[in-house]
Amino acid sequence: MIHYSHSKKDLVEIIEVFEFWDIIDYRDLCKEDLKKTLWDYLRECKSIPADDEFFFINDVAGLMKYLNSPCPKQHMTDIKERDISDKCRNLIFYSKECSHSITASNFVDIDEIIQSAHEIAKYGNLPLVRRALNLLNQDGKINDKIQPILTKRMRKKVEKQELIKKQNISRLKVKKGNVWVIFD
C-alpha cells in the first residue's frame, strides 16, 4: 500500500509524470481514493516509461517500492518552517553582519552554531538553508564543513543551475586584426 507521507499533490504528480491517463478524474478524488486507485492501477500495469529527471525510477516494481517507503520530499509544518528560517537567518547574520564573530552574534559559543547548522542541514532543499550553510562553511573556526542534505531531484536541479551559471560567465575573446574605433 502507498505510504501515508505521500501527499495528494505528490500522487497527482506521479500520475502526470508517468502518464497514467487511464485513471479518470484523478484530480477530483480525495487522497485515500487516489491512493487506492493508483495502487490498483500499478498492480495491473506491466511497464512504465523510465524517468531520469524527477523520480529516477525505471520500472513498476521500483515505483511501487518508492510509494511503499516514506516520501523523500521534505514536508514541514508552519512552526517547523519558521524555526528553520530563524536558525538560518541567525547563521547568515553571524556569517555576514558579524564577520564570523561569536561575541557580536546571537550565539553563545561555537558548539551552538554547529548544532544549529546540523539541525537545518536536513532541510537542504530550501534555498535559505543552502545559503546559510555555504556562508557558514567559510568560517575558519569550523573544521568539518557541513553540507546540506538534498534529495536526488534537488541535487540534479542545483547541478543544472550551476552548469547554466558557468556557461553564462562572460569570457574575453581576442581576435587578431585591425580595430576601427569611430566616434560620432
N, C-alpha and C. Protein backbone atom coordinates (compact mmCIF):
# COMPACT_ATOMS: atom_id res chain seq x y z
N MET A 1 0.84 -1.19 0.00
CA MET A 1 0.00 0.00 0.00
C MET A 1 0.88 1.25 0.00
N ILE A 2 0.33 2.36 -0.40
CA ILE A 2 1.06 3.62 -0.50
C ILE A 2 1.24 4.21 0.89
N HIS A 3 2.46 4.65 1.19
CA HIS A 3 2.79 5.22 2.49
C HIS A 3 2.01 6.52 2.71
N TYR A 4 1.60 6.76 3.94
CA TYR A 4 0.75 7.92 4.26
C TYR A 4 1.46 9.26 4.07
N SER A 5 2.79 9.29 4.03
CA SER A 5 3.51 10.55 3.94
C SER A 5 3.45 11.17 2.54
N HIS A 6 3.03 10.42 1.54
CA HIS A 6 2.88 10.97 0.19
C HIS A 6 1.61 11.81 0.15
N SER A 7 1.74 13.06 -0.24
CA SER A 7 0.58 13.94 -0.31
C SER A 7 -0.20 13.70 -1.59
N LYS A 8 -1.38 14.26 -1.64
CA LYS A 8 -2.20 14.13 -2.85
C LYS A 8 -1.48 14.77 -4.02
N LYS A 9 -0.82 15.89 -3.78
CA LYS A 9 -0.07 16.58 -4.83
C LYS A 9 1.04 15.68 -5.38
N ASP A 10 1.72 14.93 -4.51
CA ASP A 10 2.75 14.01 -4.95
C ASP A 10 2.17 12.91 -5.83
N LEU A 11 1.02 12.38 -5.43
CA LEU A 11 0.39 11.31 -6.20
C LEU A 11 -0.08 11.80 -7.56
N VAL A 12 -0.63 13.00 -7.61
CA VAL A 12 -1.04 13.59 -8.89
C VAL A 12 0.17 13.80 -9.78
N GLU A 13 1.27 14.23 -9.20
CA GLU A 13 2.50 14.44 -9.96
C GLU A 13 3.00 13.12 -10.55
N ILE A 14 2.93 12.04 -9.78
CA ILE A 14 3.34 10.73 -10.27
C ILE A 14 2.47 10.30 -11.45
N ILE A 15 1.17 10.51 -11.33
CA ILE A 15 0.25 10.15 -12.42
C ILE A 15 0.59 10.93 -13.68
N GLU A 16 0.92 12.21 -13.54
CA GLU A 16 1.21 13.04 -14.70
C GLU A 16 2.59 12.76 -15.30
N VAL A 17 3.57 12.51 -14.45
CA VAL A 17 4.92 12.23 -14.96
C VAL A 17 4.96 10.90 -15.71
N PHE A 18 4.32 9.88 -15.14
CA PHE A 18 4.34 8.56 -15.76
C PHE A 18 3.18 8.35 -16.73
N GLU A 19 2.39 9.40 -16.94
CA GLU A 19 1.32 9.40 -17.94
C GLU A 19 0.33 8.26 -17.74
N PHE A 20 -0.23 8.17 -16.55
CA PHE A 20 -1.27 7.19 -16.26
C PHE A 20 -2.62 7.84 -16.57
N TRP A 21 -2.87 8.09 -17.85
CA TRP A 21 -4.07 8.81 -18.25
C TRP A 21 -5.33 7.94 -18.15
N ASP A 22 -5.16 6.64 -17.90
CA ASP A 22 -6.33 5.77 -17.73
C ASP A 22 -7.04 6.02 -16.41
N ILE A 23 -6.38 6.66 -15.47
CA ILE A 23 -7.02 6.99 -14.19
C ILE A 23 -7.86 8.24 -14.42
N ILE A 24 -9.17 8.06 -14.34
CA ILE A 24 -10.11 9.12 -14.69
C ILE A 24 -10.36 10.03 -13.49
N ASP A 25 -10.41 11.32 -13.74
CA ASP A 25 -10.71 12.35 -12.73
C ASP A 25 -9.83 12.23 -11.49
N TYR A 26 -8.56 11.99 -11.70
CA TYR A 26 -7.65 11.80 -10.57
C TYR A 26 -7.49 13.06 -9.73
N ARG A 27 -7.68 14.22 -10.31
CA ARG A 27 -7.57 15.47 -9.54
C ARG A 27 -8.77 15.68 -8.62
N ASP A 28 -9.90 15.09 -8.96
CA ASP A 28 -11.11 15.28 -8.17
C ASP A 28 -11.24 14.28 -7.02
N LEU A 29 -10.43 13.22 -7.03
CA LEU A 29 -10.52 12.21 -5.98
C LEU A 29 -9.89 12.72 -4.69
N CYS A 30 -10.38 12.22 -3.56
CA CYS A 30 -9.73 12.53 -2.29
C CYS A 30 -8.45 11.69 -2.19
N LYS A 31 -7.61 12.00 -1.24
CA LYS A 31 -6.31 11.35 -1.15
C LYS A 31 -6.44 9.84 -0.98
N GLU A 32 -7.33 9.39 -0.12
CA GLU A 32 -7.48 7.95 0.13
C GLU A 32 -7.96 7.22 -1.11
N ASP A 33 -8.93 7.79 -1.83
CA ASP A 33 -9.42 7.16 -3.07
C ASP A 33 -8.34 7.16 -4.14
N LEU A 34 -7.57 8.24 -4.20
CA LEU A 34 -6.49 8.33 -5.17
C LEU A 34 -5.41 7.30 -4.88
N LYS A 35 -5.07 7.11 -3.61
CA LYS A 35 -4.08 6.10 -3.23
C LYS A 35 -4.53 4.72 -3.66
N LYS A 36 -5.79 4.39 -3.38
CA LYS A 36 -6.32 3.07 -3.72
C LYS A 36 -6.36 2.88 -5.23
N THR A 37 -6.84 3.88 -5.96
CA THR A 37 -6.94 3.80 -7.42
C THR A 37 -5.56 3.65 -8.05
N LEU A 38 -4.59 4.45 -7.60
CA LEU A 38 -3.24 4.38 -8.15
C LEU A 38 -2.59 3.04 -7.85
N TRP A 39 -2.77 2.54 -6.64
CA TRP A 39 -2.18 1.25 -6.26
C TRP A 39 -2.77 0.11 -7.09
N ASP A 40 -4.09 0.13 -7.28
CA ASP A 40 -4.74 -0.90 -8.10
C ASP A 40 -4.25 -0.81 -9.55
N TYR A 41 -4.09 0.39 -10.05
CA TYR A 41 -3.59 0.58 -11.42
C TYR A 41 -2.17 0.03 -11.56
N LEU A 42 -1.31 0.29 -10.57
CA LEU A 42 0.07 -0.17 -10.64
C LEU A 42 0.17 -1.70 -10.57
N ARG A 43 -0.71 -2.34 -9.81
CA ARG A 43 -0.69 -3.81 -9.71
C ARG A 43 -1.03 -4.45 -11.04
N GLU A 44 -1.86 -3.80 -11.85
CA GLU A 44 -2.24 -4.35 -13.15
C GLU A 44 -1.32 -3.88 -14.27
N CYS A 45 -0.55 -2.82 -14.03
CA CYS A 45 0.33 -2.24 -15.04
C CYS A 45 1.55 -3.15 -15.26
N LYS A 46 1.94 -3.32 -16.52
CA LYS A 46 3.08 -4.20 -16.84
C LYS A 46 4.39 -3.41 -16.99
N SER A 47 4.30 -2.20 -17.54
CA SER A 47 5.51 -1.40 -17.70
C SER A 47 5.17 0.08 -17.65
N ILE A 48 6.18 0.86 -17.31
CA ILE A 48 6.04 2.32 -17.26
C ILE A 48 7.24 2.93 -17.97
N PRO A 49 7.11 4.15 -18.47
CA PRO A 49 8.28 4.80 -19.08
C PRO A 49 9.31 5.15 -18.00
N ALA A 50 10.57 4.99 -18.34
CA ALA A 50 11.65 5.32 -17.39
C ALA A 50 11.70 6.83 -17.17
N ASP A 51 11.99 7.22 -15.95
CA ASP A 51 12.07 8.64 -15.59
C ASP A 51 13.42 8.91 -14.95
N ASP A 52 14.24 9.74 -15.61
CA ASP A 52 15.56 10.08 -15.09
C ASP A 52 15.65 11.53 -14.65
N GLU A 53 14.51 12.21 -14.61
CA GLU A 53 14.54 13.61 -14.25
C GLU A 53 13.89 13.91 -12.91
N PHE A 54 12.76 13.28 -12.61
CA PHE A 54 12.03 13.60 -11.39
C PHE A 54 12.15 12.54 -10.31
N PHE A 55 11.84 11.30 -10.65
CA PHE A 55 11.77 10.26 -9.63
C PHE A 55 12.89 9.22 -9.75
N PHE A 56 13.58 9.16 -10.87
CA PHE A 56 14.69 8.23 -11.09
C PHE A 56 14.21 6.78 -10.92
N ILE A 57 13.10 6.46 -11.56
CA ILE A 57 12.50 5.13 -11.48
C ILE A 57 12.39 4.58 -12.90
N ASN A 58 12.71 3.27 -13.05
CA ASN A 58 12.73 2.67 -14.37
C ASN A 58 11.64 1.65 -14.61
N ASP A 59 11.04 1.09 -13.56
CA ASP A 59 10.06 0.03 -13.76
C ASP A 59 8.95 0.12 -12.71
N VAL A 60 7.94 -0.73 -12.88
CA VAL A 60 6.77 -0.73 -11.99
C VAL A 60 7.18 -1.11 -10.57
N ALA A 61 8.05 -2.11 -10.43
CA ALA A 61 8.47 -2.55 -9.10
C ALA A 61 9.18 -1.41 -8.36
N GLY A 62 10.00 -0.65 -9.07
CA GLY A 62 10.69 0.49 -8.45
C GLY A 62 9.72 1.56 -8.00
N LEU A 63 8.68 1.81 -8.80
CA LEU A 63 7.67 2.81 -8.42
C LEU A 63 6.86 2.34 -7.22
N MET A 64 6.53 1.05 -7.18
CA MET A 64 5.79 0.51 -6.03
C MET A 64 6.63 0.58 -4.76
N LYS A 65 7.92 0.31 -4.89
CA LYS A 65 8.83 0.40 -3.74
C LYS A 65 8.93 1.86 -3.26
N TYR A 66 9.00 2.79 -4.21
CA TYR A 66 9.06 4.22 -3.88
C TYR A 66 7.80 4.64 -3.13
N LEU A 67 6.64 4.18 -3.59
CA LEU A 67 5.38 4.55 -2.95
C LEU A 67 5.18 3.86 -1.61
N ASN A 68 5.79 2.69 -1.40
CA ASN A 68 5.72 1.99 -0.11
C ASN A 68 6.55 2.68 0.97
N SER A 69 7.63 3.30 0.56
CA SER A 69 8.53 3.93 1.54
C SER A 69 8.07 5.37 1.82
N PRO A 70 8.54 5.97 2.92
CA PRO A 70 8.16 7.35 3.23
C PRO A 70 8.59 8.31 2.12
N CYS A 71 7.84 9.36 1.96
CA CYS A 71 8.11 10.34 0.91
C CYS A 71 9.44 11.05 1.18
N PRO A 72 10.34 11.08 0.20
CA PRO A 72 11.63 11.75 0.42
C PRO A 72 11.54 13.27 0.42
N LYS A 73 10.43 13.80 -0.07
CA LYS A 73 10.26 15.26 -0.05
C LYS A 73 10.14 15.72 1.39
N GLN A 74 10.60 16.91 1.64
CA GLN A 74 10.66 17.42 3.00
C GLN A 74 9.45 18.29 3.29
N HIS A 75 8.37 17.66 3.76
CA HIS A 75 7.17 18.39 4.12
C HIS A 75 7.33 18.90 5.55
N MET A 76 7.00 20.17 5.75
CA MET A 76 7.17 20.77 7.08
C MET A 76 5.90 21.48 7.50
N THR A 77 5.72 21.55 8.81
CA THR A 77 4.63 22.35 9.35
C THR A 77 5.08 23.81 9.37
N ASP A 78 4.15 24.71 9.57
CA ASP A 78 4.48 26.14 9.61
C ASP A 78 5.41 26.46 10.77
N ILE A 79 5.20 25.81 11.90
CA ILE A 79 6.04 26.05 13.07
C ILE A 79 7.48 25.62 12.80
N LYS A 80 7.63 24.43 12.21
CA LYS A 80 8.97 23.91 11.90
C LYS A 80 9.65 24.80 10.85
N GLU A 81 8.88 25.26 9.87
CA GLU A 81 9.45 26.12 8.83
C GLU A 81 9.92 27.45 9.42
N ARG A 82 9.16 28.02 10.34
CA ARG A 82 9.58 29.26 10.99
C ARG A 82 10.84 29.04 11.83
N ASP A 83 10.91 27.90 12.53
CA ASP A 83 12.08 27.57 13.34
C ASP A 83 13.32 27.44 12.46
N ILE A 84 13.20 26.72 11.34
CA ILE A 84 14.32 26.56 10.41
C ILE A 84 14.72 27.92 9.84
N SER A 85 13.74 28.72 9.49
CA SER A 85 14.01 30.05 8.92
C SER A 85 14.74 30.94 9.93
N ASP A 86 14.33 30.91 11.18
CA ASP A 86 15.00 31.71 12.21
C ASP A 86 16.46 31.27 12.40
N LYS A 87 16.69 29.96 12.44
CA LYS A 87 18.06 29.46 12.59
C LYS A 87 18.92 29.86 11.40
N CYS A 88 18.35 29.78 10.21
CA CYS A 88 19.11 30.17 9.01
C CYS A 88 19.45 31.66 9.05
N ARG A 89 18.49 32.47 9.43
CA ARG A 89 18.75 33.91 9.49
C ARG A 89 19.81 34.25 10.54
N ASN A 90 19.78 33.55 11.67
CA ASN A 90 20.81 33.77 12.69
C ASN A 90 22.18 33.37 12.17
N LEU A 91 22.26 32.26 11.43
CA LEU A 91 23.55 31.84 10.88
C LEU A 91 24.04 32.80 9.80
N ILE A 92 23.13 33.31 8.99
CA ILE A 92 23.51 34.30 7.97
C ILE A 92 23.97 35.59 8.63
N PHE A 93 23.27 36.01 9.69
CA PHE A 93 23.66 37.20 10.44
C PHE A 93 25.06 37.02 11.03
N TYR A 94 25.30 35.83 11.60
CA TYR A 94 26.62 35.52 12.17
C TYR A 94 27.70 35.57 11.09
N SER A 95 27.40 35.05 9.93
CA SER A 95 28.40 34.96 8.87
C SER A 95 28.64 36.30 8.18
N LYS A 96 27.58 37.02 7.85
CA LYS A 96 27.73 38.24 7.06
C LYS A 96 27.92 39.49 7.93
N GLU A 97 26.98 39.75 8.81
CA GLU A 97 27.00 41.00 9.57
C GLU A 97 28.05 41.00 10.68
N CYS A 98 28.23 39.84 11.30
CA CYS A 98 29.18 39.75 12.42
C CYS A 98 30.56 39.28 11.97
N SER A 99 30.72 38.98 10.72
CA SER A 99 32.00 38.51 10.16
C SER A 99 32.57 37.35 10.96
N HIS A 100 31.72 36.37 11.26
CA HIS A 100 32.08 35.15 11.99
C HIS A 100 32.61 35.44 13.40
N SER A 101 32.12 36.50 14.02
CA SER A 101 32.49 36.83 15.39
C SER A 101 31.35 36.40 16.31
N ILE A 102 31.68 35.50 17.24
CA ILE A 102 30.66 34.95 18.13
C ILE A 102 30.14 36.00 19.10
N THR A 103 30.99 36.89 19.57
CA THR A 103 30.57 37.88 20.57
C THR A 103 29.54 38.86 20.02
N ALA A 104 29.62 39.16 18.73
CA ALA A 104 28.68 40.12 18.13
C ALA A 104 27.39 39.45 17.66
N SER A 105 27.34 38.13 17.69
CA SER A 105 26.18 37.41 17.15
C SER A 105 25.18 37.04 18.25
N ASN A 106 24.16 36.29 17.85
CA ASN A 106 23.13 35.83 18.78
C ASN A 106 23.50 34.51 19.45
N PHE A 107 24.65 33.97 19.14
CA PHE A 107 25.08 32.68 19.66
C PHE A 107 25.99 32.85 20.86
N VAL A 108 26.02 31.80 21.71
CA VAL A 108 26.84 31.83 22.91
C VAL A 108 28.23 31.28 22.63
N ASP A 109 28.28 30.14 21.92
CA ASP A 109 29.58 29.54 21.61
C ASP A 109 29.50 28.82 20.25
N ILE A 110 30.65 28.32 19.82
CA ILE A 110 30.75 27.68 18.51
C ILE A 110 29.95 26.38 18.45
N ASP A 111 29.80 25.69 19.59
CA ASP A 111 29.02 24.45 19.62
C ASP A 111 27.55 24.71 19.30
N GLU A 112 27.01 25.82 19.78
CA GLU A 112 25.62 26.17 19.47
C GLU A 112 25.45 26.45 17.97
N ILE A 113 26.44 27.07 17.37
CA ILE A 113 26.41 27.35 15.93
C ILE A 113 26.42 26.04 15.15
N ILE A 114 27.31 25.13 15.53
CA ILE A 114 27.42 23.85 14.83
C ILE A 114 26.14 23.03 15.01
N GLN A 115 25.56 23.07 16.19
CA GLN A 115 24.32 22.34 16.44
C GLN A 115 23.18 22.90 15.58
N SER A 116 23.08 24.20 15.47
CA SER A 116 22.05 24.81 14.62
C SER A 116 22.26 24.43 13.16
N ALA A 117 23.51 24.41 12.74
CA ALA A 117 23.81 24.06 11.35
C ALA A 117 23.43 22.61 11.05
N HIS A 118 23.71 21.70 11.98
CA HIS A 118 23.35 20.30 11.78
C HIS A 118 21.82 20.12 11.76
N GLU A 119 21.11 20.90 12.55
CA GLU A 119 19.65 20.80 12.58
C GLU A 119 19.03 21.25 11.26
N ILE A 120 19.56 22.30 10.66
CA ILE A 120 18.97 22.79 9.42
C ILE A 120 19.49 22.05 8.20
N ALA A 121 20.60 21.34 8.31
CA ALA A 121 21.18 20.65 7.16
C ALA A 121 20.24 19.61 6.59
N LYS A 122 19.33 19.07 7.40
CA LYS A 122 18.37 18.06 6.93
C LYS A 122 17.40 18.64 5.92
N TYR A 123 17.25 19.95 5.92
CA TYR A 123 16.29 20.61 5.04
C TYR A 123 17.01 21.35 3.92
N GLY A 124 17.94 20.66 3.29
CA GLY A 124 18.78 21.26 2.25
C GLY A 124 18.06 21.64 0.98
N ASN A 125 16.83 21.19 0.80
CA ASN A 125 16.07 21.58 -0.39
C ASN A 125 15.67 23.05 -0.36
N LEU A 126 15.67 23.65 0.81
CA LEU A 126 15.31 25.06 0.91
C LEU A 126 16.52 25.92 0.55
N PRO A 127 16.35 26.91 -0.32
CA PRO A 127 17.46 27.77 -0.71
C PRO A 127 18.08 28.53 0.47
N LEU A 128 17.26 28.92 1.44
CA LEU A 128 17.77 29.65 2.60
C LEU A 128 18.74 28.79 3.40
N VAL A 129 18.47 27.49 3.51
CA VAL A 129 19.35 26.57 4.23
C VAL A 129 20.68 26.44 3.49
N ARG A 130 20.62 26.27 2.18
CA ARG A 130 21.86 26.13 1.40
C ARG A 130 22.71 27.39 1.50
N ARG A 131 22.07 28.56 1.46
CA ARG A 131 22.82 29.83 1.57
C ARG A 131 23.46 29.96 2.94
N ALA A 132 22.71 29.65 3.99
CA ALA A 132 23.25 29.76 5.35
C ALA A 132 24.44 28.83 5.54
N LEU A 133 24.34 27.60 5.06
CA LEU A 133 25.44 26.65 5.23
C LEU A 133 26.65 27.03 4.38
N ASN A 134 26.42 27.55 3.17
CA ASN A 134 27.54 27.98 2.34
C ASN A 134 28.30 29.13 3.00
N LEU A 135 27.59 30.07 3.59
CA LEU A 135 28.25 31.18 4.28
C LEU A 135 28.96 30.70 5.55
N LEU A 136 28.33 29.77 6.25
CA LEU A 136 28.92 29.24 7.48
C LEU A 136 30.19 28.44 7.19
N ASN A 137 30.22 27.73 6.08
CA ASN A 137 31.39 26.91 5.74
C ASN A 137 32.62 27.75 5.42
N GLN A 138 32.44 29.05 5.23
CA GLN A 138 33.58 29.94 5.01
C GLN A 138 34.26 30.34 6.32
N ASP A 139 33.68 29.97 7.44
CA ASP A 139 34.23 30.28 8.76
C ASP A 139 35.43 29.38 9.02
N GLY A 140 36.54 29.97 9.38
CA GLY A 140 37.76 29.21 9.65
C GLY A 140 37.73 28.45 10.97
N LYS A 141 36.83 28.83 11.88
CA LYS A 141 36.76 28.15 13.17
C LYS A 141 36.07 26.78 13.08
N ILE A 142 35.34 26.55 12.01
CA ILE A 142 34.63 25.28 11.84
C ILE A 142 35.47 24.37 10.95
N ASN A 143 35.98 23.30 11.54
CA ASN A 143 36.87 22.40 10.80
C ASN A 143 36.11 21.51 9.83
N ASP A 144 35.04 20.87 10.28
CA ASP A 144 34.26 19.98 9.43
C ASP A 144 33.17 20.79 8.74
N LYS A 145 33.24 20.82 7.43
CA LYS A 145 32.25 21.56 6.66
C LYS A 145 30.91 20.81 6.70
N ILE A 146 29.84 21.54 6.88
CA ILE A 146 28.50 20.95 6.99
C ILE A 146 27.81 21.14 5.65
N GLN A 147 27.47 20.02 5.03
CA GLN A 147 26.82 20.04 3.72
C GLN A 147 25.32 19.84 3.87
N PRO A 148 24.51 20.57 3.09
CA PRO A 148 23.06 20.37 3.15
C PRO A 148 22.69 19.01 2.55
N ILE A 149 21.69 18.37 3.12
CA ILE A 149 21.22 17.08 2.62
C ILE A 149 20.13 17.36 1.59
N LEU A 150 20.39 16.95 0.35
CA LEU A 150 19.48 17.22 -0.76
C LEU A 150 18.85 15.93 -1.27
N THR A 151 17.63 16.04 -1.77
CA THR A 151 17.03 14.90 -2.46
C THR A 151 17.67 14.81 -3.85
N LYS A 152 17.50 13.65 -4.49
CA LYS A 152 18.09 13.47 -5.82
C LYS A 152 17.60 14.53 -6.79
N ARG A 153 16.32 14.82 -6.71
CA ARG A 153 15.73 15.79 -7.63
C ARG A 153 16.35 17.17 -7.45
N MET A 154 16.50 17.60 -6.20
CA MET A 154 17.06 18.92 -5.93
C MET A 154 18.55 18.96 -6.29
N ARG A 155 19.26 17.86 -6.03
CA ARG A 155 20.67 17.82 -6.37
C ARG A 155 20.86 18.00 -7.88
N LYS A 156 20.01 17.35 -8.65
CA LYS A 156 20.10 17.48 -10.11
C LYS A 156 19.74 18.90 -10.54
N LYS A 157 18.75 19.50 -9.90
CA LYS A 157 18.35 20.86 -10.23
C LYS A 157 19.47 21.85 -9.91
N VAL A 158 20.13 21.68 -8.77
CA VAL A 158 21.24 22.57 -8.38
C VAL A 158 22.40 22.41 -9.36
N GLU A 159 22.68 21.18 -9.76
CA GLU A 159 23.76 20.94 -10.73
C GLU A 159 23.46 21.63 -12.06
N LYS A 160 22.20 21.57 -12.51
CA LYS A 160 21.82 22.25 -13.75
C LYS A 160 22.00 23.75 -13.61
N GLN A 161 21.59 24.32 -12.46
CA GLN A 161 21.74 25.76 -12.25
C GLN A 161 23.20 26.17 -12.26
N GLU A 162 24.07 25.37 -11.64
CA GLU A 162 25.50 25.68 -11.63
C GLU A 162 26.09 25.61 -13.03
N LEU A 163 25.64 24.63 -13.82
CA LEU A 163 26.12 24.49 -15.19
C LEU A 163 25.70 25.69 -16.04
N ILE A 164 24.46 26.13 -15.87
CA ILE A 164 23.97 27.30 -16.61
C ILE A 164 24.74 28.54 -16.19
N LYS A 165 25.02 28.66 -14.88
CA LYS A 165 25.76 29.81 -14.39
C LYS A 165 27.18 29.84 -14.97
N LYS A 166 27.81 28.67 -15.07
CA LYS A 166 29.16 28.61 -15.64
C LYS A 166 29.15 28.96 -17.13
N GLN A 167 28.10 28.55 -17.83
CA GLN A 167 28.02 28.84 -19.26
C GLN A 167 27.77 30.31 -19.53
N ASN A 168 27.13 31.00 -18.62
CA ASN A 168 26.79 32.40 -18.83
C ASN A 168 27.87 33.37 -18.38
N ILE A 169 28.98 32.87 -17.87
CA ILE A 169 30.07 33.74 -17.46
C ILE A 169 30.72 34.33 -18.71
N SER A 170 30.86 35.63 -18.71
CA SER A 170 31.47 36.30 -19.87
C SER A 170 32.95 35.97 -19.94
N ARG A 171 33.38 35.76 -21.15
CA ARG A 171 34.80 35.45 -21.36
C ARG A 171 35.38 36.47 -22.34
N LEU A 172 36.65 36.74 -22.20
CA LEU A 172 37.34 37.65 -23.09
C LEU A 172 37.73 36.90 -24.36
N LYS A 173 37.32 37.43 -25.49
CA LYS A 173 37.69 36.84 -26.77
C LYS A 173 38.61 37.80 -27.48
N VAL A 174 39.78 37.32 -27.87
CA VAL A 174 40.77 38.15 -28.54
C VAL A 174 40.90 37.66 -29.97
N LYS A 175 40.73 38.58 -30.91
CA LYS A 175 40.88 38.26 -32.32
C LYS A 175 41.97 39.14 -32.89
N LYS A 176 42.80 38.55 -33.72
CA LYS A 176 43.87 39.32 -34.36
C LYS A 176 43.30 40.06 -35.55
N GLY A 177 43.85 41.26 -35.78
CA GLY A 177 43.40 42.04 -36.93
C GLY A 177 43.31 43.50 -36.58
N ASN A 178 42.81 44.27 -37.53
CA ASN A 178 42.68 45.71 -37.35
C ASN A 178 41.44 46.02 -36.52
N VAL A 179 41.55 47.06 -35.72
CA VAL A 179 40.44 47.53 -34.91
C VAL A 179 40.13 48.95 -35.32
N TRP A 180 38.88 49.20 -35.64
CA TRP A 180 38.46 50.53 -36.04
C TRP A 180 37.58 51.10 -34.95
N VAL A 181 37.96 52.26 -34.45
CA VAL A 181 37.17 52.96 -33.45
C VAL A 181 36.64 54.22 -34.10
N ILE A 182 35.31 54.35 -34.16
CA ILE A 182 34.70 55.50 -34.83
C ILE A 182 33.91 56.28 -33.78
N PHE A 183 34.17 57.60 -33.72
CA PHE A 183 33.43 58.45 -32.80
C PHE A 183 32.43 59.27 -33.58
N ASP A 184 31.22 59.36 -33.07
CA ASP A 184 30.20 60.17 -33.75
C ASP A 184 30.27 61.60 -33.32
